[in-house]
């Protein structure tokens, strides 16, 4: 059996983004302050993450938006930096909070 790996799949397997360095203060006032150990302004962090995460297609969403006259419009959104930051937050929550609180947070997010 021959298994082929595309260049894109290989890149996904090896690239990782360190939003916070080990053994340091990762956030200030709830906002990330570094990417791969480099201190950056928040806007620069968003730009960096949008580029690095977005090139793999993560953080893209599409769906139908219902308009008032019964029409439907295909809506496409792209927010890779938000996607990876929210994934990191969820990971931290599961490590630090009880299962009940994580479920409660998820319920609030869905209804809010």
N, C-alpha and C. Protein backbone atom coordinates (compact mmCIF):
# COMPACT_ATOMS: atom_id res chain seq x y z
N UNK A 1 0.85 -1.17 0.00
CA UNK A 1 0.00 0.00 0.00
C UNK A 1 0.89 1.23 0.00
N UNK A 2 0.55 2.19 -0.82
CA UNK A 2 1.30 3.44 -0.93
C UNK A 2 0.49 4.55 -0.30
N UNK A 3 1.10 5.27 0.62
CA UNK A 3 0.43 6.40 1.25
C UNK A 3 1.15 7.66 0.81
N UNK A 4 0.40 8.57 0.22
CA UNK A 4 0.98 9.83 -0.23
C UNK A 4 0.59 10.93 0.74
N UNK A 5 1.50 11.82 0.98
CA UNK A 5 1.24 12.97 1.83
C UNK A 5 1.49 14.21 1.00
N UNK A 6 0.49 15.05 0.92
CA UNK A 6 0.66 16.28 0.16
C UNK A 6 1.54 17.23 0.96
N UNK A 7 2.08 18.21 0.26
CA UNK A 7 2.92 19.22 0.90
C UNK A 7 2.13 19.95 1.99
N UNK A 8 0.86 20.22 1.72
CA UNK A 8 0.02 20.92 2.68
C UNK A 8 -0.21 20.08 3.94
N UNK A 9 -0.46 18.78 3.76
CA UNK A 9 -0.66 17.91 4.92
C UNK A 9 0.61 17.82 5.75
N UNK A 10 1.75 17.76 5.09
CA UNK A 10 3.01 17.68 5.81
C UNK A 10 3.25 18.96 6.61
N UNK A 11 2.94 20.10 6.01
CA UNK A 11 3.11 21.37 6.71
C UNK A 11 2.21 21.44 7.93
N UNK A 12 0.98 20.95 7.81
CA UNK A 12 0.06 20.93 8.95
C UNK A 12 0.63 20.11 10.10
N UNK A 13 1.30 19.03 9.76
CA UNK A 13 1.81 18.13 10.79
C UNK A 13 2.97 18.73 11.56
N UNK A 14 3.75 19.60 10.95
CA UNK A 14 4.96 20.08 11.62
C UNK A 14 4.88 21.50 12.15
N UNK A 15 3.97 22.31 11.62
CA UNK A 15 3.93 23.71 12.07
C UNK A 15 3.08 23.84 13.32
N UNK A 16 3.61 24.50 14.29
CA UNK A 16 2.89 24.80 15.51
C UNK A 16 3.12 26.26 15.85
N UNK A 17 2.13 26.87 16.41
CA UNK A 17 2.24 28.27 16.81
C UNK A 17 2.23 28.32 18.32
N UNK A 18 3.28 28.85 18.90
CA UNK A 18 3.32 29.02 20.35
C UNK A 18 2.82 30.42 20.66
N UNK A 19 1.60 30.50 21.16
CA UNK A 19 1.02 31.80 21.46
C UNK A 19 1.67 32.37 22.71
N UNK A 20 2.08 31.49 23.59
CA UNK A 20 2.75 31.95 24.82
C UNK A 20 3.99 31.11 25.05
N UNK A 21 5.10 31.72 25.47
CA UNK A 21 6.28 30.94 25.78
C UNK A 21 6.13 30.28 27.15
N UNK A 22 6.83 29.19 27.34
CA UNK A 22 6.80 28.50 28.63
C UNK A 22 7.44 29.37 29.70
N UNK A 23 6.95 29.24 30.92
CA UNK A 23 7.52 29.93 32.10
C UNK A 23 7.55 31.45 31.97
N UNK A 24 6.52 32.04 31.41
CA UNK A 24 6.47 33.50 31.37
C UNK A 24 5.03 33.95 31.52
N UNK A 25 4.84 35.23 31.73
CA UNK A 25 3.49 35.77 31.82
C UNK A 25 2.91 35.84 30.41
N UNK A 26 1.98 34.93 30.06
CA UNK A 26 1.49 34.85 28.69
C UNK A 26 0.53 35.96 28.29
N UNK A 27 -0.11 36.57 29.26
CA UNK A 27 -1.14 37.56 28.94
C UNK A 27 -1.01 38.78 29.83
N UNK A 28 -1.50 39.86 29.31
CA UNK A 28 -1.65 41.08 30.09
C UNK A 28 -3.08 41.52 29.96
N UNK A 29 -3.77 41.66 31.07
CA UNK A 29 -5.18 42.08 31.08
C UNK A 29 -6.03 41.19 30.18
N UNK A 30 -5.72 39.89 30.17
CA UNK A 30 -6.51 38.93 29.41
C UNK A 30 -6.19 38.83 27.94
N UNK A 31 -5.19 39.56 27.45
CA UNK A 31 -4.83 39.52 26.04
C UNK A 31 -3.47 38.86 25.86
N UNK A 32 -3.32 38.05 24.79
CA UNK A 32 -2.00 37.46 24.52
C UNK A 32 -1.00 38.56 24.18
N UNK A 33 0.26 38.34 24.57
CA UNK A 33 1.28 39.37 24.32
C UNK A 33 2.47 38.85 23.51
N UNK A 34 2.52 37.54 23.26
CA UNK A 34 3.65 37.00 22.48
C UNK A 34 3.17 35.95 21.48
N UNK A 35 3.95 35.78 20.43
CA UNK A 35 3.80 34.67 19.48
C UNK A 35 5.20 34.11 19.27
N UNK A 36 5.35 32.83 19.54
CA UNK A 36 6.66 32.17 19.44
C UNK A 36 7.74 32.91 20.22
N UNK A 37 7.38 33.43 21.38
CA UNK A 37 8.35 34.11 22.23
C UNK A 37 8.65 35.55 21.86
N UNK A 38 8.06 36.03 20.77
CA UNK A 38 8.27 37.42 20.35
C UNK A 38 7.15 38.30 20.88
N UNK A 39 7.50 39.31 21.63
CA UNK A 39 6.51 40.25 22.14
C UNK A 39 5.98 41.09 20.98
N UNK A 40 4.67 41.17 20.86
CA UNK A 40 4.03 41.92 19.79
C UNK A 40 2.84 42.69 20.33
N UNK A 41 2.49 43.77 19.64
CA UNK A 41 1.24 44.47 19.94
C UNK A 41 0.09 43.56 19.56
N UNK A 42 -1.08 43.77 20.18
CA UNK A 42 -2.21 42.88 19.94
C UNK A 42 -2.60 42.82 18.46
N UNK A 43 -2.62 43.96 17.79
CA UNK A 43 -2.95 43.98 16.36
C UNK A 43 -1.97 43.16 15.53
N UNK A 44 -0.69 43.22 15.88
CA UNK A 44 0.33 42.44 15.17
C UNK A 44 0.16 40.95 15.45
N UNK A 45 -0.27 40.61 16.67
CA UNK A 45 -0.54 39.20 16.99
C UNK A 45 -1.67 38.68 16.11
N UNK A 46 -2.74 39.47 15.99
CA UNK A 46 -3.87 39.07 15.15
C UNK A 46 -3.41 38.90 13.70
N UNK A 47 -2.65 39.84 13.18
CA UNK A 47 -2.14 39.73 11.80
C UNK A 47 -1.30 38.48 11.61
N UNK A 48 -0.39 38.24 12.55
CA UNK A 48 0.50 37.06 12.48
C UNK A 48 -0.30 35.77 12.50
N UNK A 49 -1.25 35.68 13.44
CA UNK A 49 -2.05 34.45 13.54
C UNK A 49 -2.98 34.29 12.34
N UNK A 50 -3.55 35.38 11.84
CA UNK A 50 -4.39 35.28 10.64
C UNK A 50 -3.59 34.69 9.48
N UNK A 51 -2.37 35.15 9.31
CA UNK A 51 -1.52 34.65 8.22
C UNK A 51 -1.14 33.19 8.44
N UNK A 52 -0.60 32.90 9.63
CA UNK A 52 -0.06 31.56 9.88
C UNK A 52 -1.13 30.48 10.00
N UNK A 53 -2.23 30.79 10.64
CA UNK A 53 -3.30 29.80 10.82
C UNK A 53 -4.18 29.74 9.57
N UNK A 54 -4.44 30.91 8.99
CA UNK A 54 -5.31 30.98 7.83
C UNK A 54 -4.80 30.24 6.61
N UNK A 55 -3.49 30.11 6.47
CA UNK A 55 -2.97 29.43 5.27
C UNK A 55 -3.32 27.95 5.25
N UNK A 56 -3.79 27.42 6.39
CA UNK A 56 -4.22 26.02 6.44
C UNK A 56 -5.73 25.87 6.35
N UNK A 57 -6.43 26.99 6.22
CA UNK A 57 -7.87 26.92 6.04
C UNK A 57 -8.67 26.88 7.34
N UNK A 58 -8.00 27.00 8.47
CA UNK A 58 -8.73 26.98 9.74
C UNK A 58 -9.40 28.33 9.97
N UNK A 59 -10.55 28.30 10.64
CA UNK A 59 -11.24 29.53 10.97
C UNK A 59 -12.11 30.06 9.85
N UNK A 60 -12.42 29.23 8.87
CA UNK A 60 -13.32 29.63 7.79
C UNK A 60 -14.69 29.00 8.03
N UNK A 61 -15.71 29.81 7.92
CA UNK A 61 -17.07 29.36 8.16
C UNK A 61 -17.95 29.81 7.01
N UNK A 62 -18.90 28.99 6.64
CA UNK A 62 -19.87 29.40 5.64
C UNK A 62 -21.24 28.92 6.08
N UNK A 63 -22.24 29.64 5.67
CA UNK A 63 -23.61 29.28 6.02
C UNK A 63 -24.58 30.17 5.29
N UNK A 64 -25.85 29.88 5.46
CA UNK A 64 -26.88 30.67 4.81
C UNK A 64 -27.42 31.69 5.79
N UNK A 65 -27.50 32.94 5.32
CA UNK A 65 -28.10 34.00 6.10
C UNK A 65 -29.50 34.23 5.54
N UNK A 66 -30.48 34.25 6.42
CA UNK A 66 -31.87 34.44 6.00
C UNK A 66 -32.20 35.93 6.03
N UNK A 67 -32.62 36.46 4.89
CA UNK A 67 -32.99 37.87 4.80
C UNK A 67 -34.49 38.05 5.05
N UNK A 68 -34.90 39.30 5.26
CA UNK A 68 -36.29 39.59 5.61
C UNK A 68 -37.30 39.14 4.56
N UNK A 69 -36.98 39.24 3.30
CA UNK A 69 -37.93 38.91 2.23
C UNK A 69 -37.92 37.43 1.88
N UNK A 70 -37.37 36.60 2.73
CA UNK A 70 -37.34 35.17 2.47
C UNK A 70 -36.17 34.72 1.62
N UNK A 71 -35.34 35.65 1.22
CA UNK A 71 -34.16 35.29 0.43
C UNK A 71 -33.08 34.74 1.35
N UNK A 72 -32.21 33.95 0.75
CA UNK A 72 -31.07 33.41 1.49
C UNK A 72 -29.80 33.81 0.76
N UNK A 73 -28.79 34.15 1.54
CA UNK A 73 -27.52 34.58 0.99
C UNK A 73 -26.43 33.71 1.60
N UNK A 74 -25.53 33.23 0.75
CA UNK A 74 -24.40 32.47 1.26
C UNK A 74 -23.43 33.43 1.92
N UNK A 75 -23.14 33.17 3.16
CA UNK A 75 -22.25 34.05 3.93
C UNK A 75 -20.97 33.27 4.24
N UNK A 76 -19.83 33.86 3.93
CA UNK A 76 -18.54 33.24 4.19
C UNK A 76 -17.75 34.16 5.11
N UNK A 77 -17.26 33.60 6.19
CA UNK A 77 -16.46 34.38 7.14
C UNK A 77 -15.11 33.70 7.31
N UNK A 78 -14.11 34.53 7.50
CA UNK A 78 -12.77 34.01 7.71
C UNK A 78 -12.18 34.72 8.91
N UNK A 79 -11.86 33.95 9.96
CA UNK A 79 -11.32 34.52 11.19
C UNK A 79 -10.36 33.54 11.86
N UNK A 80 -9.23 33.25 11.21
CA UNK A 80 -8.31 32.26 11.75
C UNK A 80 -7.70 32.63 13.10
N UNK A 81 -7.37 33.90 13.32
CA UNK A 81 -6.79 34.29 14.61
C UNK A 81 -7.79 34.07 15.73
N UNK A 82 -9.03 34.46 15.51
CA UNK A 82 -10.07 34.24 16.53
C UNK A 82 -10.25 32.75 16.79
N UNK A 83 -10.22 31.94 15.74
CA UNK A 83 -10.40 30.50 15.87
C UNK A 83 -9.32 29.90 16.77
N UNK A 84 -8.05 30.23 16.50
CA UNK A 84 -6.96 29.61 17.28
C UNK A 84 -6.95 30.15 18.71
N UNK A 85 -7.24 31.42 18.91
CA UNK A 85 -7.27 31.97 20.26
C UNK A 85 -8.41 31.36 21.08
N UNK A 86 -9.56 31.16 20.46
CA UNK A 86 -10.67 30.52 21.17
C UNK A 86 -10.38 29.05 21.46
N UNK A 87 -9.70 28.36 20.54
CA UNK A 87 -9.29 26.97 20.79
C UNK A 87 -8.33 26.91 21.97
N UNK A 88 -7.39 27.86 22.03
CA UNK A 88 -6.43 27.89 23.14
C UNK A 88 -7.15 28.17 24.46
N UNK A 89 -8.11 29.09 24.43
CA UNK A 89 -8.87 29.39 25.64
C UNK A 89 -9.64 28.17 26.11
N UNK A 90 -10.29 27.47 25.20
CA UNK A 90 -11.04 26.26 25.56
C UNK A 90 -10.10 25.22 26.17
N UNK A 91 -8.92 25.08 25.60
CA UNK A 91 -7.94 24.13 26.13
C UNK A 91 -7.55 24.50 27.56
N UNK A 92 -7.29 25.77 27.80
CA UNK A 92 -6.96 26.22 29.16
C UNK A 92 -8.12 26.00 30.12
N UNK A 93 -9.33 26.28 29.66
CA UNK A 93 -10.50 26.07 30.51
C UNK A 93 -10.65 24.61 30.91
N UNK A 94 -10.45 23.70 29.97
CA UNK A 94 -10.60 22.28 30.30
C UNK A 94 -9.51 21.82 31.26
N UNK A 95 -8.37 22.49 31.25
CA UNK A 95 -7.29 22.13 32.17
C UNK A 95 -7.50 22.71 33.56
N UNK A 96 -8.20 23.85 33.63
CA UNK A 96 -8.29 24.58 34.90
C UNK A 96 -9.66 24.53 35.57
N UNK A 97 -10.71 24.36 34.81
CA UNK A 97 -12.06 24.42 35.37
C UNK A 97 -12.67 23.03 35.50
N UNK A 98 -13.68 22.93 36.35
CA UNK A 98 -14.39 21.67 36.48
C UNK A 98 -15.20 21.40 35.22
N UNK A 99 -15.55 20.16 35.02
CA UNK A 99 -16.34 19.78 33.85
C UNK A 99 -17.67 20.53 33.84
N UNK A 100 -18.27 20.71 35.01
CA UNK A 100 -19.54 21.42 35.11
C UNK A 100 -19.40 22.86 34.63
N UNK A 101 -18.32 23.55 35.04
CA UNK A 101 -18.12 24.93 34.62
C UNK A 101 -17.83 25.05 33.12
N UNK A 102 -17.09 24.10 32.58
CA UNK A 102 -16.82 24.12 31.14
C UNK A 102 -18.13 23.97 30.37
N UNK A 103 -18.98 23.03 30.81
CA UNK A 103 -20.28 22.85 30.14
C UNK A 103 -21.14 24.10 30.28
N UNK A 104 -21.12 24.71 31.46
CA UNK A 104 -21.89 25.93 31.68
C UNK A 104 -21.41 27.06 30.77
N UNK A 105 -20.09 27.21 30.65
CA UNK A 105 -19.53 28.22 29.75
C UNK A 105 -19.98 27.97 28.31
N UNK A 106 -19.96 26.72 27.88
CA UNK A 106 -20.37 26.39 26.51
C UNK A 106 -21.84 26.72 26.30
N UNK A 107 -22.68 26.45 27.30
CA UNK A 107 -24.10 26.78 27.20
C UNK A 107 -24.29 28.29 27.07
N UNK A 108 -23.57 29.06 27.88
CA UNK A 108 -23.68 30.53 27.83
C UNK A 108 -23.24 31.04 26.47
N UNK A 109 -22.15 30.47 25.92
CA UNK A 109 -21.66 30.90 24.61
C UNK A 109 -22.70 30.64 23.51
N UNK A 110 -23.41 29.54 23.62
CA UNK A 110 -24.40 29.18 22.58
C UNK A 110 -25.65 30.04 22.66
N UNK A 111 -25.99 30.50 23.85
CA UNK A 111 -27.23 31.29 24.00
C UNK A 111 -26.97 32.78 23.95
N UNK A 112 -25.70 33.20 24.13
CA UNK A 112 -25.37 34.62 24.18
C UNK A 112 -25.17 35.17 22.87
